[in-house]
Amino acid sequence: MNLFKYHAFFCLNERSNGDNCCEQHGATKLFDYAKKRCKQLGLNGAGQTRVNRAGCLDQCASGPVMVVYPEGIWYTFIDESDIDEIISSHFAKGVPVKRLMIDA
């Protein structure tokens, strides 16, 4: 049995050599926003959604990225409106957002 219905891991990797990475695309800002919005909407905690930091998820070319378990759905996103759509559709209603999904 899973402790969380959804477990979202945000890549927050930053490459010191200047190569493409999720942090160059505002990953930490969007991670903080997702965590805050889930709390505001009452979608966080046991039996619901957990938003976690992750190191490199090896999808730099698609960044920024997150992966949501237990389904193993990978998302890319640009801004807060994309995060809002993932939260309201996937986390609140169980309907993945196809337009933001990537093949990993």
N, C-alpha and C. Protein backbone atom coordinates (compact mmCIF):
# COMPACT_ATOMS: atom_id res chain seq x y z
N MET A 1 0.84 -1.18 0.00
CA MET A 1 0.00 0.00 0.00
C MET A 1 0.89 1.24 0.00
N ASN A 2 0.54 2.23 -0.83
CA ASN A 2 1.31 3.46 -0.91
C ASN A 2 0.86 4.46 0.14
N LEU A 3 1.82 5.18 0.69
CA LEU A 3 1.51 6.23 1.65
C LEU A 3 0.84 7.42 0.94
N PHE A 4 1.23 7.66 -0.33
CA PHE A 4 0.68 8.78 -1.09
C PHE A 4 -0.04 8.27 -2.33
N LYS A 5 -1.11 8.93 -2.69
CA LYS A 5 -1.81 8.61 -3.93
C LYS A 5 -0.93 8.99 -5.12
N TYR A 6 -0.31 10.17 -5.05
CA TYR A 6 0.62 10.65 -6.08
C TYR A 6 1.90 11.14 -5.41
N HIS A 7 3.00 10.80 -6.02
CA HIS A 7 4.30 11.24 -5.53
C HIS A 7 5.01 11.89 -6.70
N ALA A 8 5.15 13.23 -6.66
CA ALA A 8 5.74 13.99 -7.76
C ALA A 8 7.18 14.36 -7.41
N PHE A 9 8.10 13.97 -8.27
CA PHE A 9 9.51 14.29 -8.10
C PHE A 9 9.91 15.32 -9.15
N PHE A 10 10.35 16.49 -8.70
CA PHE A 10 10.80 17.57 -9.58
C PHE A 10 12.32 17.52 -9.69
N CYS A 11 12.83 17.47 -10.91
CA CYS A 11 14.27 17.57 -11.11
C CYS A 11 14.68 19.01 -10.83
N LEU A 12 15.62 19.17 -9.90
CA LEU A 12 16.15 20.49 -9.56
C LEU A 12 17.65 20.56 -9.83
N ASN A 13 18.11 19.70 -10.73
CA ASN A 13 19.54 19.62 -11.01
C ASN A 13 20.07 20.89 -11.65
N GLU A 14 21.27 21.27 -11.22
CA GLU A 14 21.96 22.41 -11.80
C GLU A 14 23.36 21.96 -12.20
N ARG A 15 23.69 22.14 -13.46
CA ARG A 15 25.00 21.73 -13.97
C ARG A 15 25.97 22.91 -13.89
N SER A 16 27.09 22.69 -13.25
CA SER A 16 28.07 23.76 -13.06
C SER A 16 28.81 24.12 -14.34
N ASN A 17 28.80 23.22 -15.33
CA ASN A 17 29.53 23.48 -16.57
C ASN A 17 28.71 24.27 -17.59
N GLY A 18 27.49 24.65 -17.24
CA GLY A 18 26.65 25.43 -18.15
C GLY A 18 25.81 24.61 -19.10
N ASP A 19 25.93 23.27 -19.07
CA ASP A 19 25.10 22.43 -19.93
C ASP A 19 23.64 22.57 -19.53
N ASN A 20 22.76 22.27 -20.48
CA ASN A 20 21.32 22.36 -20.25
C ASN A 20 20.92 21.54 -19.01
N CYS A 21 20.08 22.14 -18.19
CA CYS A 21 19.59 21.45 -16.99
C CYS A 21 18.26 22.08 -16.58
N CYS A 22 17.52 21.37 -15.75
CA CYS A 22 16.19 21.83 -15.34
C CYS A 22 16.25 23.16 -14.59
N GLU A 23 17.26 23.37 -13.78
CA GLU A 23 17.36 24.61 -13.00
C GLU A 23 17.48 25.83 -13.90
N GLN A 24 18.06 25.69 -15.09
CA GLN A 24 18.15 26.81 -16.03
C GLN A 24 16.77 27.23 -16.52
N HIS A 25 15.77 26.39 -16.33
CA HIS A 25 14.42 26.66 -16.80
C HIS A 25 13.45 26.94 -15.64
N GLY A 26 13.98 27.37 -14.50
CA GLY A 26 13.13 27.78 -13.38
C GLY A 26 12.52 26.65 -12.58
N ALA A 27 13.18 25.50 -12.54
CA ALA A 27 12.62 24.33 -11.87
C ALA A 27 12.34 24.56 -10.39
N THR A 28 13.25 25.20 -9.68
CA THR A 28 13.05 25.39 -8.23
C THR A 28 11.86 26.30 -7.96
N LYS A 29 11.72 27.37 -8.73
CA LYS A 29 10.58 28.28 -8.56
C LYS A 29 9.27 27.54 -8.78
N LEU A 30 9.22 26.70 -9.80
CA LEU A 30 7.99 25.96 -10.10
C LEU A 30 7.74 24.83 -9.10
N PHE A 31 8.80 24.22 -8.59
CA PHE A 31 8.67 23.24 -7.51
C PHE A 31 8.05 23.90 -6.28
N ASP A 32 8.60 25.04 -5.88
CA ASP A 32 8.07 25.76 -4.71
C ASP A 32 6.60 26.13 -4.91
N TYR A 33 6.27 26.55 -6.11
CA TYR A 33 4.89 26.91 -6.42
C TYR A 33 3.98 25.68 -6.30
N ALA A 34 4.40 24.54 -6.87
CA ALA A 34 3.58 23.32 -6.83
C ALA A 34 3.35 22.87 -5.39
N LYS A 35 4.38 22.91 -4.59
CA LYS A 35 4.27 22.50 -3.19
C LYS A 35 3.27 23.41 -2.46
N LYS A 36 3.40 24.72 -2.67
CA LYS A 36 2.52 25.69 -2.04
C LYS A 36 1.06 25.50 -2.49
N ARG A 37 0.84 25.32 -3.79
CA ARG A 37 -0.52 25.17 -4.32
C ARG A 37 -1.18 23.89 -3.81
N CYS A 38 -0.44 22.80 -3.75
CA CYS A 38 -1.02 21.56 -3.22
C CYS A 38 -1.46 21.74 -1.78
N LYS A 39 -0.66 22.46 -0.99
CA LYS A 39 -1.04 22.74 0.39
C LYS A 39 -2.27 23.63 0.45
N GLN A 40 -2.28 24.69 -0.36
CA GLN A 40 -3.43 25.61 -0.37
C GLN A 40 -4.72 24.90 -0.74
N LEU A 41 -4.63 23.94 -1.64
CA LEU A 41 -5.82 23.23 -2.12
C LEU A 41 -6.16 22.00 -1.28
N GLY A 42 -5.36 21.74 -0.24
CA GLY A 42 -5.62 20.59 0.62
C GLY A 42 -5.35 19.25 -0.05
N LEU A 43 -4.43 19.26 -1.02
CA LEU A 43 -4.11 18.03 -1.76
C LEU A 43 -2.83 17.37 -1.29
N ASN A 44 -2.22 17.89 -0.23
CA ASN A 44 -0.94 17.33 0.24
C ASN A 44 -1.16 16.42 1.45
N GLY A 45 -0.15 15.61 1.70
CA GLY A 45 -0.18 14.77 2.89
C GLY A 45 -0.51 13.32 2.60
N ALA A 46 -0.52 12.53 3.64
CA ALA A 46 -0.75 11.09 3.52
C ALA A 46 -2.06 10.82 2.80
N GLY A 47 -2.02 9.87 1.89
CA GLY A 47 -3.20 9.49 1.12
C GLY A 47 -3.50 10.42 -0.03
N GLN A 48 -2.69 11.46 -0.18
CA GLN A 48 -2.93 12.44 -1.25
C GLN A 48 -1.66 12.62 -2.08
N THR A 49 -1.16 13.85 -2.18
CA THR A 49 -0.02 14.14 -3.04
C THR A 49 1.19 14.57 -2.23
N ARG A 50 2.34 14.08 -2.62
CA ARG A 50 3.61 14.50 -2.03
C ARG A 50 4.47 15.08 -3.16
N VAL A 51 4.94 16.31 -2.99
CA VAL A 51 5.81 16.97 -3.96
C VAL A 51 7.21 16.97 -3.38
N ASN A 52 8.15 16.33 -4.09
CA ASN A 52 9.52 16.17 -3.60
C ASN A 52 10.55 16.71 -4.57
N ARG A 53 11.69 17.09 -4.00
CA ARG A 53 12.87 17.46 -4.78
C ARG A 53 13.55 16.20 -5.29
N ALA A 54 14.17 16.32 -6.44
CA ALA A 54 14.99 15.22 -6.95
C ALA A 54 16.23 15.82 -7.58
N GLY A 55 17.27 15.02 -7.64
CA GLY A 55 18.45 15.41 -8.39
C GLY A 55 18.17 15.14 -9.87
N CYS A 56 19.21 14.96 -10.61
CA CYS A 56 19.07 14.77 -12.05
C CYS A 56 18.22 13.53 -12.35
N LEU A 57 17.22 13.74 -13.21
CA LEU A 57 16.36 12.64 -13.65
C LEU A 57 16.72 12.19 -15.07
N ASP A 58 17.84 12.71 -15.58
CA ASP A 58 18.41 12.31 -16.88
C ASP A 58 17.49 12.62 -18.06
N GLN A 59 16.77 13.73 -17.96
CA GLN A 59 15.90 14.19 -19.06
C GLN A 59 16.17 15.66 -19.36
N CYS A 60 17.43 16.04 -19.34
CA CYS A 60 17.83 17.45 -19.46
C CYS A 60 17.28 18.13 -20.71
N ALA A 61 17.22 17.42 -21.81
CA ALA A 61 16.75 18.02 -23.07
C ALA A 61 15.27 18.37 -23.02
N SER A 62 14.52 17.78 -22.10
CA SER A 62 13.09 18.03 -21.99
C SER A 62 12.75 18.98 -20.85
N GLY A 63 13.76 19.47 -20.14
CA GLY A 63 13.56 20.21 -18.91
C GLY A 63 12.78 21.50 -19.03
N PRO A 64 12.19 21.91 -17.93
CA PRO A 64 12.19 21.23 -16.64
C PRO A 64 11.23 20.05 -16.66
N VAL A 65 11.50 19.07 -15.80
CA VAL A 65 10.68 17.87 -15.77
C VAL A 65 10.32 17.46 -14.35
N MET A 66 9.23 16.69 -14.28
CA MET A 66 8.87 15.98 -13.06
C MET A 66 8.34 14.62 -13.47
N VAL A 67 8.42 13.67 -12.57
CA VAL A 67 7.82 12.37 -12.80
C VAL A 67 6.86 12.11 -11.65
N VAL A 68 5.67 11.58 -12.00
CA VAL A 68 4.63 11.34 -11.01
C VAL A 68 4.40 9.84 -10.89
N TYR A 69 4.53 9.34 -9.67
CA TYR A 69 4.28 7.94 -9.38
C TYR A 69 3.00 7.83 -8.58
N PRO A 70 2.28 6.73 -8.67
CA PRO A 70 2.75 5.41 -9.10
C PRO A 70 2.68 5.16 -10.60
N GLU A 71 2.08 6.07 -11.38
CA GLU A 71 1.92 5.79 -12.81
C GLU A 71 3.22 5.90 -13.60
N GLY A 72 4.19 6.65 -13.10
CA GLY A 72 5.42 6.86 -13.85
C GLY A 72 5.20 7.80 -15.02
N ILE A 73 4.35 8.80 -14.84
CA ILE A 73 4.07 9.78 -15.89
C ILE A 73 5.06 10.93 -15.79
N TRP A 74 5.70 11.23 -16.92
CA TRP A 74 6.68 12.30 -17.00
C TRP A 74 6.04 13.54 -17.60
N TYR A 75 6.31 14.67 -16.97
CA TYR A 75 5.79 15.95 -17.45
C TYR A 75 6.93 16.94 -17.67
N THR A 76 6.72 17.82 -18.63
CA THR A 76 7.50 19.04 -18.74
C THR A 76 6.52 20.18 -18.58
N PHE A 77 7.00 21.35 -18.24
CA PHE A 77 6.13 22.48 -17.93
C PHE A 77 6.91 23.76 -18.14
N ILE A 78 6.18 24.83 -18.41
CA ILE A 78 6.82 26.11 -18.69
C ILE A 78 6.63 27.12 -17.56
N ASP A 79 5.41 27.14 -17.02
CA ASP A 79 5.08 28.19 -16.06
C ASP A 79 4.06 27.70 -15.04
N GLU A 80 3.61 28.61 -14.19
CA GLU A 80 2.67 28.27 -13.13
C GLU A 80 1.34 27.76 -13.68
N SER A 81 0.92 28.25 -14.83
CA SER A 81 -0.35 27.76 -15.39
C SER A 81 -0.26 26.29 -15.77
N ASP A 82 0.90 25.84 -16.24
CA ASP A 82 1.08 24.40 -16.51
C ASP A 82 1.03 23.60 -15.22
N ILE A 83 1.66 24.11 -14.17
CA ILE A 83 1.64 23.44 -12.87
C ILE A 83 0.20 23.38 -12.35
N ASP A 84 -0.53 24.48 -12.48
CA ASP A 84 -1.93 24.51 -12.05
C ASP A 84 -2.75 23.45 -12.78
N GLU A 85 -2.50 23.29 -14.07
CA GLU A 85 -3.24 22.30 -14.86
C GLU A 85 -2.92 20.87 -14.40
N ILE A 86 -1.67 20.60 -14.11
CA ILE A 86 -1.28 19.28 -13.61
C ILE A 86 -1.95 19.02 -12.26
N ILE A 87 -1.91 20.00 -11.39
CA ILE A 87 -2.51 19.84 -10.06
C ILE A 87 -4.02 19.63 -10.15
N SER A 88 -4.70 20.50 -10.91
CA SER A 88 -6.17 20.42 -10.95
C SER A 88 -6.67 19.21 -11.71
N SER A 89 -5.93 18.77 -12.71
CA SER A 89 -6.39 17.62 -13.49
C SER A 89 -5.87 16.30 -12.93
N HIS A 90 -4.56 16.18 -12.81
CA HIS A 90 -3.97 14.90 -12.40
C HIS A 90 -4.13 14.65 -10.89
N PHE A 91 -3.66 15.60 -10.09
CA PHE A 91 -3.67 15.38 -8.64
C PHE A 91 -5.07 15.45 -8.03
N ALA A 92 -5.91 16.33 -8.52
CA ALA A 92 -7.25 16.50 -7.95
C ALA A 92 -8.28 15.54 -8.55
N LYS A 93 -8.15 15.23 -9.86
CA LYS A 93 -9.17 14.43 -10.54
C LYS A 93 -8.67 13.09 -11.07
N GLY A 94 -7.35 12.87 -11.01
CA GLY A 94 -6.81 11.60 -11.51
C GLY A 94 -6.71 11.51 -13.02
N VAL A 95 -6.77 12.67 -13.70
CA VAL A 95 -6.71 12.69 -15.17
C VAL A 95 -5.39 13.32 -15.60
N PRO A 96 -4.45 12.51 -16.12
CA PRO A 96 -3.17 13.05 -16.57
C PRO A 96 -3.35 14.10 -17.68
N VAL A 97 -2.43 15.03 -17.75
CA VAL A 97 -2.47 16.11 -18.73
C VAL A 97 -1.61 15.71 -19.93
N LYS A 98 -2.24 15.19 -20.95
CA LYS A 98 -1.53 14.63 -22.10
C LYS A 98 -0.64 15.64 -22.80
N ARG A 99 -1.06 16.89 -22.91
CA ARG A 99 -0.28 17.87 -23.67
C ARG A 99 1.06 18.19 -23.01
N LEU A 100 1.20 17.91 -21.71
CA LEU A 100 2.44 18.19 -21.00
C LEU A 100 3.29 16.94 -20.76
N MET A 101 2.78 15.78 -21.17
CA MET A 101 3.51 14.52 -20.97
C MET A 101 4.65 14.38 -21.96
N ILE A 102 5.73 13.76 -21.50
CA ILE A 102 6.86 13.44 -22.38
C ILE A 102 7.14 11.95 -22.28
N ASP A 103 7.76 11.41 -23.31
CA ASP A 103 8.23 10.02 -23.28
C ASP A 103 9.63 10.02 -22.68
N ALA A 104 9.79 9.31 -21.62
CA ALA A 104 11.10 9.24 -20.97
C ALA A 104 11.65 7.83 -21.03
